[in-house]
Amino acid sequence: MGRYAKEPTGGDFEKTPPGTHIGVCFRVIDLGTQHEEYQGEPRVANRVLVSWELPNELMQDGRPFAVSRFYTNSLHEKSALRKDLEAWRGKPFTKAELERFDLASILNKAAMISVVHTETGREKVNSVIAIPKGTPTPSVSNELTAFFIDEWDDAVFATIPKGIQEIIKKSDEFKLRQRVGDAPFPTEEDDWKLKLS
């Protein structure tokens, strides 16, 4: 920007083109129990983040675009997660699946992802549906990542974008880990002690 400062316009980064794209799920992140506000009311919900790479939509530097959607981690009949998963799979859940569905199973699965731009200019995943039969699943360049707080893995956590890490650290589950002495993050003091040993 040089000498003159300006207010960001929101157009300083590449936005995913609106429309329907082939997307491949490359990341499923358990965000834990989050305390949020919705329409002025406090809300507590277990949240999960699902991300898709769009292999056929490339940014100027040649990397594929990626889009994400935050969901409440619930298969209630009115939940967005259930609606999108059933449309993506092309079939309703069985009773057994509703009792126990492994979210890691959607990794590396392709879907048609509808992306829209809101009035404020933000990009949004509007819908997720099954790809046409016979459509090959494109390969992805991003590493496939599944992270679940109750199966904590420091190495996987370290690969998660910092902003998402900060959300996880606000969860009830992470705070509980800290209280019971199972802190997964070494402090600067811990690093210093390790250097002396």
Foldseek 3Di string as FASTA:
>chain_A
DPPDDDDDLVPPDDDDDFDKAKWAWQEKEFLAWAWDADPNRIDIAGKMKIKTWRQVDADPVGATDMDMDMFGPACPVPGPVQVQVCQQVVHHDDPVCNVPPDPLVRHRPIWIWGWDADPSGDIDGPHTHHDPPPDDRDDHPDHRAYADLVVHDLVRLVPDPPVSNVSSCNHPSNVVCVVVPNHPDDDPVNVVVVVVD
